Amino acid sequence: MAALARGFCLSSVLLVIWVGVCSPVCVEVPSETEAVQGTHMKLLCISCMKREEVSASTVVEWFYKTEGGKDELIYEYRKVYHEFPSRFSGRLQWNGSKDMQDVSITVLNVTLNDSGIYTCNITREFDFEIHRPLFTSSRLIHLTVVEEGMEDWWKCFEPLGVTCLAKGQVYCKPDNALFSGIPGEEWGSCQQIGHLQTLLFP
């Protein structure tokens, strides 16, 4: 029994060591599509390589256009990073990975005028012994920039706690005071946010 326990412990240690040395797995996930004015917004663009052991040269192009407008090249990676003159001049920053599977950029200090459609184009030329195949892929991000984030509405619960009115709704005045009578902005049903009372005001 003791030998079995020792064997189990040894297996567990080996498993932990094996997991610890595993390389990270590339996963293609969509980018966030809403940003708050004045913050930094990462435009996520991930293009996983099926065979990471094969070397490849990668070219990345970032385009921007307003709704109904034309694509404008704003950023490029072609062995070196290059930012093109645009409304984003001085506000674009490379935020990708060294292996060029994550080719994201960050827009610094976003403005309401930064809303629009961003396109990330990736071109890869793989270096095989016999031939050099070319692969392309694209990602579209429809970005909306808002004046305030959703976290700002939490402030309206700070003064008095969460109080459900008779009609089952919670209201918040501009001066962050909860009240009954003439309602201000409606923030959702008590059922939806009732658990906040326990979290914020135990």
C-alpha atoms as a PDB file:
ATOM      1  CA  MET A   1       0.000   0.000   0.000  1.00  0.00           C
ATOM      2  CA  ALA A   2       2.857   2.359   0.869  1.00  0.00           C
ATOM      3  CA  ALA A   3       4.593   1.501  -2.418  1.00  0.00           C
ATOM      4  CA  LEU A   4       1.371   2.246  -4.291  1.00  0.00           C
ATOM      5  CA  ALA A   5       1.053   5.613  -2.545  1.00  0.00           C
ATOM      6  CA  ARG A   6       4.673   6.474  -3.385  1.00  0.00           C
ATOM      7  CA  GLY A   7       4.073   5.491  -7.003  1.00  0.00           C
ATOM      8  CA  PHE A   8       0.966   7.666  -7.161  1.00  0.00           C
ATOM      9  CA  CYS A   9       2.822  10.646  -5.703  1.00  0.00           C
ATOM     10  CA  LEU A  10       5.682  10.178  -8.186  1.00  0.00           C
ATOM     11  CA  SER A  11       3.226  10.010 -11.082  1.00  0.00           C
ATOM     12  CA  SER A  12       1.549  13.191  -9.865  1.00  0.00           C
ATOM     13  CA  VAL A  13       4.882  15.009  -9.686  1.00  0.00           C
ATOM     14  CA  LEU A  14       5.802  13.880 -13.198  1.00  0.00           C
ATOM     15  CA  LEU A  15       2.405  15.025 -14.466  1.00  0.00           C
ATOM     16  CA  VAL A  16       2.853  18.465 -12.914  1.00  0.00           C
ATOM     17  CA  ILE A  17       6.339  18.759 -14.427  1.00  0.00           C
ATOM     18  CA  TRP A  18       5.044  17.680 -17.849  1.00  0.00           C
ATOM     19  CA  VAL A  19       2.228  20.227 -17.748  1.00  0.00           C
ATOM     20  CA  GLY A  20       4.626  22.930 -16.624  1.00  0.00           C
ATOM     21  CA  VAL A  21       6.928  22.517 -19.628  1.00  0.00           C
ATOM     22  CA  CYS A  22       4.162  22.401 -22.239  1.00  0.00           C
ATOM     23  CA  SER A  23       4.237  25.285 -24.693  1.00  0.00           C
ATOM     24  CA  PRO A  24       1.193  27.583 -24.809  1.00  0.00           C
ATOM     25  CA  VAL A  25      -1.544  26.702 -27.283  1.00  0.00           C
ATOM     26  CA  CYS A  26      -2.575  29.288 -29.877  1.00  0.00           C
ATOM     27  CA  VAL A  27      -6.314  30.006 -29.786  1.00  0.00           C
ATOM     28  CA  GLU A  28      -8.058  32.358 -32.210  1.00  0.00           C
ATOM     29  CA  VAL A  29     -10.498  34.520 -30.249  1.00  0.00           C
ATOM     30  CA  PRO A  30     -12.462  37.564 -31.462  1.00  0.00           C
ATOM     31  CA  SER A  31     -11.545  41.088 -30.433  1.00  0.00           C
ATOM     32  CA  GLU A  32     -13.557  43.288 -28.108  1.00  0.00           C
ATOM     33  CA  THR A  33     -15.764  45.639 -30.130  1.00  0.00           C
ATOM     34  CA  GLU A  34     -16.491  48.437 -27.632  1.00  0.00           C
ATOM     35  CA  ALA A  35     -14.048  50.940 -26.151  1.00  0.00           C
ATOM     36  CA  VAL A  36     -14.442  53.799 -23.675  1.00  0.00           C
ATOM     37  CA  GLN A  37     -13.312  57.245 -24.756  1.00  0.00           C
ATOM     38  CA  GLY A  38      -9.888  58.165 -23.366  1.00  0.00           C
ATOM     39  CA  THR A  39      -8.755  54.584 -22.700  1.00  0.00           C
ATOM     40  CA  HIS A  40      -6.355  52.315 -24.600  1.00  0.00           C
ATOM     41  CA  MET A  41      -8.013  49.738 -26.859  1.00  0.00           C
ATOM     42  CA  LYS A  42      -6.304  46.537 -27.991  1.00  0.00           C
ATOM     43  CA  LEU A  43      -7.511  45.423 -31.417  1.00  0.00           C
ATOM     44  CA  LEU A  44      -7.051  41.681 -31.158  1.00  0.00           C
ATOM     45  CA  CYS A  45      -5.934  39.815 -34.275  1.00  0.00           C
ATOM     46  CA  ILE A  46      -4.725  36.225 -33.876  1.00  0.00           C
ATOM     47  CA  SER A  47      -3.880  33.915 -36.762  1.00  0.00           C
ATOM     48  CA  CYS A  48      -2.579  30.546 -35.569  1.00  0.00           C
ATOM     49  CA  MET A  49      -0.082  28.599 -37.655  1.00  0.00           C
ATOM     50  CA  LYS A  50      -0.976  24.935 -38.102  1.00  0.00           C
ATOM     51  CA  ARG A  51       2.667  23.885 -38.290  1.00  0.00           C
ATOM     52  CA  GLU A  52       4.680  26.120 -35.991  1.00  0.00           C
ATOM     53  CA  GLU A  53       7.886  24.214 -36.705  1.00  0.00           C
ATOM     54  CA  VAL A  54       7.885  25.504 -40.311  1.00  0.00           C
ATOM     55  CA  SER A  55       9.512  28.907 -40.711  1.00  0.00           C
ATOM     56  CA  ALA A  56       7.476  31.618 -42.423  1.00  0.00           C
ATOM     57  CA  SER A  57       7.817  35.266 -43.322  1.00  0.00           C
ATOM     58  CA  THR A  58       4.799  37.293 -42.212  1.00  0.00           C
ATOM     59  CA  VAL A  59       3.382  40.574 -43.475  1.00  0.00           C
ATOM     60  CA  VAL A  60       0.660  42.339 -41.464  1.00  0.00           C
ATOM     61  CA  GLU A  61      -1.491  45.232 -42.675  1.00  0.00           C
ATOM     62  CA  TRP A  62      -4.013  47.145 -40.588  1.00  0.00           C
ATOM     63  CA  PHE A  63      -6.717  49.168 -42.354  1.00  0.00           C
ATOM     64  CA  TYR A  64      -9.360  51.536 -41.018  1.00  0.00           C
ATOM     65  CA  LYS A  65     -12.526  52.928 -42.568  1.00  0.00           C
ATOM     66  CA  THR A  66     -15.609  54.751 -41.399  1.00  0.00           C
ATOM     67  CA  GLU A  67     -19.040  53.303 -42.111  1.00  0.00           C
ATOM     68  CA  GLY A  68     -19.498  53.618 -45.866  1.00  0.00           C
ATOM     69  CA  GLY A  69     -15.931  54.899 -46.324  1.00  0.00           C
ATOM     70  CA  LYS A  70     -12.817  53.510 -48.011  1.00  0.00           C
ATOM     71  CA  ASP A  71     -10.077  51.430 -46.424  1.00  0.00           C
ATOM     72  CA  GLU A  72      -7.054  53.435 -45.276  1.00  0.00           C
ATOM     73  CA  LEU A  73      -3.750  51.725 -44.465  1.00  0.00           C
ATOM     74  CA  ILE A  74      -2.774  52.854 -40.959  1.00  0.00           C
ATOM     75  CA  TYR A  75      -0.178  50.322 -39.770  1.00  0.00           C
ATOM     76  CA  GLU A  76       2.074  47.691 -41.287  1.00  0.00           C
ATOM     77  CA  TYR A  77       4.610  45.061 -40.325  1.00  0.00           C
ATOM     78  CA  ARG A  78       7.001  44.031 -43.105  1.00  0.00           C
ATOM     79  CA  LYS A  79      10.154  42.988 -41.243  1.00  0.00           C
ATOM     80  CA  VAL A  80       9.888  46.377 -39.505  1.00  0.00           C
ATOM     81  CA  TYR A  81       6.938  48.176 -37.916  1.00  0.00           C
ATOM     82  CA  HIS A  82       5.597  51.221 -39.738  1.00  0.00           C
ATOM     83  CA  GLU A  83       2.796  53.624 -38.820  1.00  0.00           C
ATOM     84  CA  PHE A  84       1.259  55.596 -41.699  1.00  0.00           C
ATOM     85  CA  PRO A  85       0.108  59.235 -41.371  1.00  0.00           C
ATOM     86  CA  SER A  86      -3.558  59.213 -40.359  1.00  0.00           C
ATOM     87  CA  ARG A  87      -5.953  60.325 -37.632  1.00  0.00           C
ATOM     88  CA  PHE A  88      -4.139  57.767 -35.450  1.00  0.00           C
ATOM     89  CA  SER A  89      -0.658  59.262 -35.886  1.00  0.00           C
ATOM     90  CA  GLY A  90       1.312  58.747 -32.677  1.00  0.00           C
ATOM     91  CA  ARG A  91      -1.459  56.624 -31.129  1.00  0.00           C
ATOM     92  CA  LEU A  92      -0.803  53.173 -32.606  1.00  0.00           C
ATOM     93  CA  GLN A  93       1.339  50.618 -30.823  1.00  0.00           C
ATOM     94  CA  TRP A  94       2.320  47.065 -31.766  1.00  0.00           C
ATOM     95  CA  ASN A  95       0.871  44.595 -29.253  1.00  0.00           C
ATOM     96  CA  GLY A  96       1.562  41.237 -30.861  1.00  0.00           C
ATOM     97  CA  SER A  97       3.792  38.257 -30.128  1.00  0.00           C
ATOM     98  CA  LYS A  98       7.300  37.403 -31.320  1.00  0.00           C
ATOM     99  CA  ASP A  99       6.099  34.311 -33.174  1.00  0.00           C
ATOM    100  CA  MET A 100       3.730  36.519 -35.232  1.00  0.00           C
ATOM    101  CA  GLN A 101       0.649  34.470 -34.394  1.00  0.00           C
ATOM    102  CA  ASP A 102      -0.746  37.365 -32.367  1.00  0.00           C
ATOM    103  CA  VAL A 103      -0.493  40.442 -34.608  1.00  0.00           C
ATOM    104  CA  SER A 104      -2.628  42.816 -32.533  1.00  0.00           C
ATOM    105  CA  ILE A 105      -2.204  46.574 -32.215  1.00  0.00           C
ATOM    106  CA  THR A 106      -3.330  49.009 -29.515  1.00  0.00           C
ATOM    107  CA  VAL A 107      -4.991  52.358 -30.161  1.00  0.00           C
ATOM    108  CA  LEU A 108      -3.929  54.793 -27.446  1.00  0.00           C
ATOM    109  CA  ASN A 109      -6.346  57.339 -25.978  1.00  0.00           C
ATOM    110  CA  VAL A 110      -9.287  56.392 -28.200  1.00  0.00           C
ATOM    111  CA  THR A 111     -11.738  59.089 -29.279  1.00  0.00           C
ATOM    112  CA  LEU A 112     -15.344  58.928 -30.433  1.00  0.00           C
ATOM    113  CA  ASN A 113     -14.079  59.494 -33.984  1.00  0.00           C
ATOM    114  CA  ASP A 114     -12.148  56.213 -33.799  1.00  0.00           C
ATOM    115  CA  SER A 115     -15.371  54.230 -34.195  1.00  0.00           C
ATOM    116  CA  GLY A 116     -15.414  52.308 -37.453  1.00  0.00           C
ATOM    117  CA  ILE A 117     -14.246  49.136 -39.158  1.00  0.00           C
ATOM    118  CA  TYR A 118     -10.706  47.850 -38.666  1.00  0.00           C
ATOM    119  CA  THR A 119      -9.286  45.150 -40.935  1.00  0.00           C
ATOM    120  CA  CYS A 120      -6.275  43.015 -40.093  1.00  0.00           C
ATOM    121  CA  ASN A 121      -4.695  41.315 -43.120  1.00  0.00           C
ATOM    122  CA  ILE A 122      -2.078  38.596 -42.589  1.00  0.00           C
ATOM    123  CA  THR A 123       0.058  37.201 -45.417  1.00  0.00           C
ATOM    124  CA  ARG A 124       2.419  34.299 -44.747  1.00  0.00           C
ATOM    125  CA  GLU A 125       4.986  32.738 -47.051  1.00  0.00           C
ATOM    126  CA  PHE A 126       6.117  29.366 -45.735  1.00  0.00           C
ATOM    127  CA  ASP A 127       9.619  28.109 -46.354  1.00  0.00           C
ATOM    128  CA  PHE A 128       9.474  24.473 -47.458  1.00  0.00           C
ATOM    129  CA  GLU A 129      12.372  22.724 -49.169  1.00  0.00           C
ATOM    130  CA  ILE A 130      10.591  22.344 -52.506  1.00  0.00           C
ATOM    131  CA  HIS A 131       8.181  25.298 -52.689  1.00  0.00           C
ATOM    132  CA  ARG A 132       7.091  28.446 -50.817  1.00  0.00           C
ATOM    133  CA  PRO A 133       3.269  28.459 -50.500  1.00  0.00           C
ATOM    134  CA  LEU A 134       1.500  31.744 -49.740  1.00  0.00           C
ATOM    135  CA  PHE A 135      -1.457  31.979 -47.346  1.00  0.00           C
ATOM    136  CA  THR A 136      -3.616  34.996 -46.506  1.00  0.00           C
ATOM    137  CA  SER A 137      -6.291  35.643 -43.871  1.00  0.00           C
ATOM    138  CA  SER A 138      -8.277  38.634 -42.621  1.00  0.00           C
ATOM    139  CA  ARG A 139     -10.057  39.732 -39.450  1.00  0.00           C
ATOM    140  CA  LEU A 140     -12.729  42.457 -39.281  1.00  0.00           C
ATOM    141  CA  ILE A 141     -13.400  44.445 -36.108  1.00  0.00           C
ATOM    142  CA  HIS A 142     -16.429  46.745 -35.908  1.00  0.00           C
ATOM    143  CA  LEU A 143     -15.377  49.102 -33.121  1.00  0.00           C
ATOM    144  CA  THR A 144     -17.733  51.418 -31.251  1.00  0.00           C
ATOM    145  CA  VAL A 145     -16.312  54.069 -28.914  1.00  0.00           C
ATOM    146  CA  VAL A 146     -18.623  55.251 -26.113  1.00  0.00           C
ATOM    147  CA  GLU A 147     -18.303  58.170 -23.704  1.00  0.00           C
ATOM    148  CA  GLU A 148     -18.666  56.109 -20.509  1.00  0.00           C
ATOM    149  CA  GLY A 149     -18.196  52.473 -19.640  1.00  0.00           C
ATOM    150  CA  MET A 150     -20.819  50.212 -18.059  1.00  0.00           C
ATOM    151  CA  GLU A 151     -18.827  50.249 -14.827  1.00  0.00           C
ATOM    152  CA  ASP A 152     -19.895  53.886 -14.267  1.00  0.00           C
ATOM    153  CA  TRP A 153     -23.480  52.912 -13.461  1.00  0.00           C
ATOM    154  CA  TRP A 154     -22.276  51.130 -10.299  1.00  0.00           C
ATOM    155  CA  LYS A 155     -21.734  54.571  -8.778  1.00  0.00           C
ATOM    156  CA  CYS A 156     -25.463  55.133  -8.482  1.00  0.00           C
ATOM    157  CA  PHE A 157     -25.710  52.356  -5.873  1.00  0.00           C
ATOM    158  CA  GLU A 158     -23.000  53.732  -3.593  1.00  0.00           C
ATOM    159  CA  PRO A 159     -24.979  56.268  -1.469  1.00  0.00           C
ATOM    160  CA  LEU A 160     -27.994  54.304  -0.246  1.00  0.00           C
ATOM    161  CA  GLY A 161     -27.697  50.725  -1.419  1.00  0.00           C
ATOM    162  CA  VAL A 162     -30.002  48.879  -3.778  1.00  0.00           C
ATOM    163  CA  THR A 163     -33.704  49.561  -3.230  1.00  0.00           C
ATOM    164  CA  CYS A 164     -36.399  47.967  -5.366  1.00  0.00           C
ATOM    165  CA  LEU A 165     -39.430  50.121  -5.989  1.00  0.00           C
ATOM    166  CA  ALA A 166     -42.968  48.825  -6.000  1.00  0.00           C
ATOM    167  CA  LYS A 167     -42.918  48.289  -9.770  1.00  0.00           C
ATOM    168  CA  GLY A 168     -39.804  46.145  -9.440  1.00  0.00           C
ATOM    169  CA  GLN A 169     -37.277  48.511 -10.992  1.00  0.00           C
ATOM    170  CA  VAL A 170     -34.239  50.415  -9.759  1.00  0.00           C
ATOM    171  CA  TYR A 171     -33.704  54.025 -10.789  1.00  0.00           C
ATOM    172  CA  CYS A 172     -30.762  56.370 -10.532  1.00  0.00           C
ATOM    173  CA  LYS A 173     -30.745  60.177 -10.642  1.00  0.00           C
ATOM    174  CA  PRO A 174     -27.866  62.075 -12.275  1.00  0.00           C
ATOM    175  CA  ASP A 175     -26.605  63.066  -8.817  1.00  0.00           C
ATOM    176  CA  ASN A 176     -26.234  59.369  -7.933  1.00  0.00           C
ATOM    177  CA  ALA A 177     -29.157  59.307  -5.448  1.00  0.00           C
ATOM    178  CA  LEU A 178     -31.767  56.562  -5.463  1.00  0.00           C
ATOM    179  CA  PHE A 179     -35.317  57.821  -5.210  1.00  0.00           C
ATOM    180  CA  SER A 180     -38.972  56.984  -5.656  1.00  0.00           C
ATOM    181  CA  GLY A 181     -41.586  59.058  -7.395  1.00  0.00           C
ATOM    182  CA  ILE A 182     -40.598  60.492 -10.758  1.00  0.00           C
ATOM    183  CA  PRO A 183     -38.051  58.011 -12.149  1.00  0.00           C
ATOM    184  CA  GLY A 184     -34.762  58.876 -13.739  1.00  0.00           C
ATOM    185  CA  GLU A 185     -32.807  56.427 -15.869  1.00  0.00           C
ATOM    186  CA  GLU A 186     -33.893  52.826 -15.535  1.00  0.00           C
ATOM    187  CA  TRP A 187     -31.055  50.406 -14.789  1.00  0.00           C
ATOM    188  CA  GLY A 188     -32.824  47.042 -14.978  1.00  0.00           C
ATOM    189  CA  SER A 189     -35.105  44.834 -12.954  1.00  0.00           C
ATOM    190  CA  CYS A 190     -34.565  43.896  -9.324  1.00  0.00           C
ATOM    191  CA  GLN A 191     -34.290  40.279 -10.379  1.00  0.00           C
ATOM    192  CA  GLN A 192     -31.394  41.136 -12.690  1.00  0.00           C
ATOM    193  CA  ILE A 193     -29.391  43.198 -10.211  1.00  0.00           C
ATOM    194  CA  GLY A 194     -30.761  42.139  -6.847  1.00  0.00           C
ATOM    195  CA  HIS A 195     -27.633  40.080  -6.199  1.00  0.00           C
ATOM    196  CA  LEU A 196     -25.619  43.317  -6.283  1.00  0.00           C
ATOM    197  CA  GLN A 197     -27.198  44.316  -2.971  1.00  0.00           C
ATOM    198  CA  THR A 198     -25.548  41.331  -1.314  1.00  0.00           C
ATOM    199  CA  LEU A 199     -22.230  42.007  -2.993  1.00  0.00           C
ATOM    200  CA  LEU A 200     -22.094  45.750  -2.382  1.00  0.00           C
ATOM    201  CA  PHE A 201     -24.080  46.153   0.812  1.00  0.00           C
ATOM    202  CA  PRO A 202     -23.947  42.913   2.880  1.00  0.00           C
END
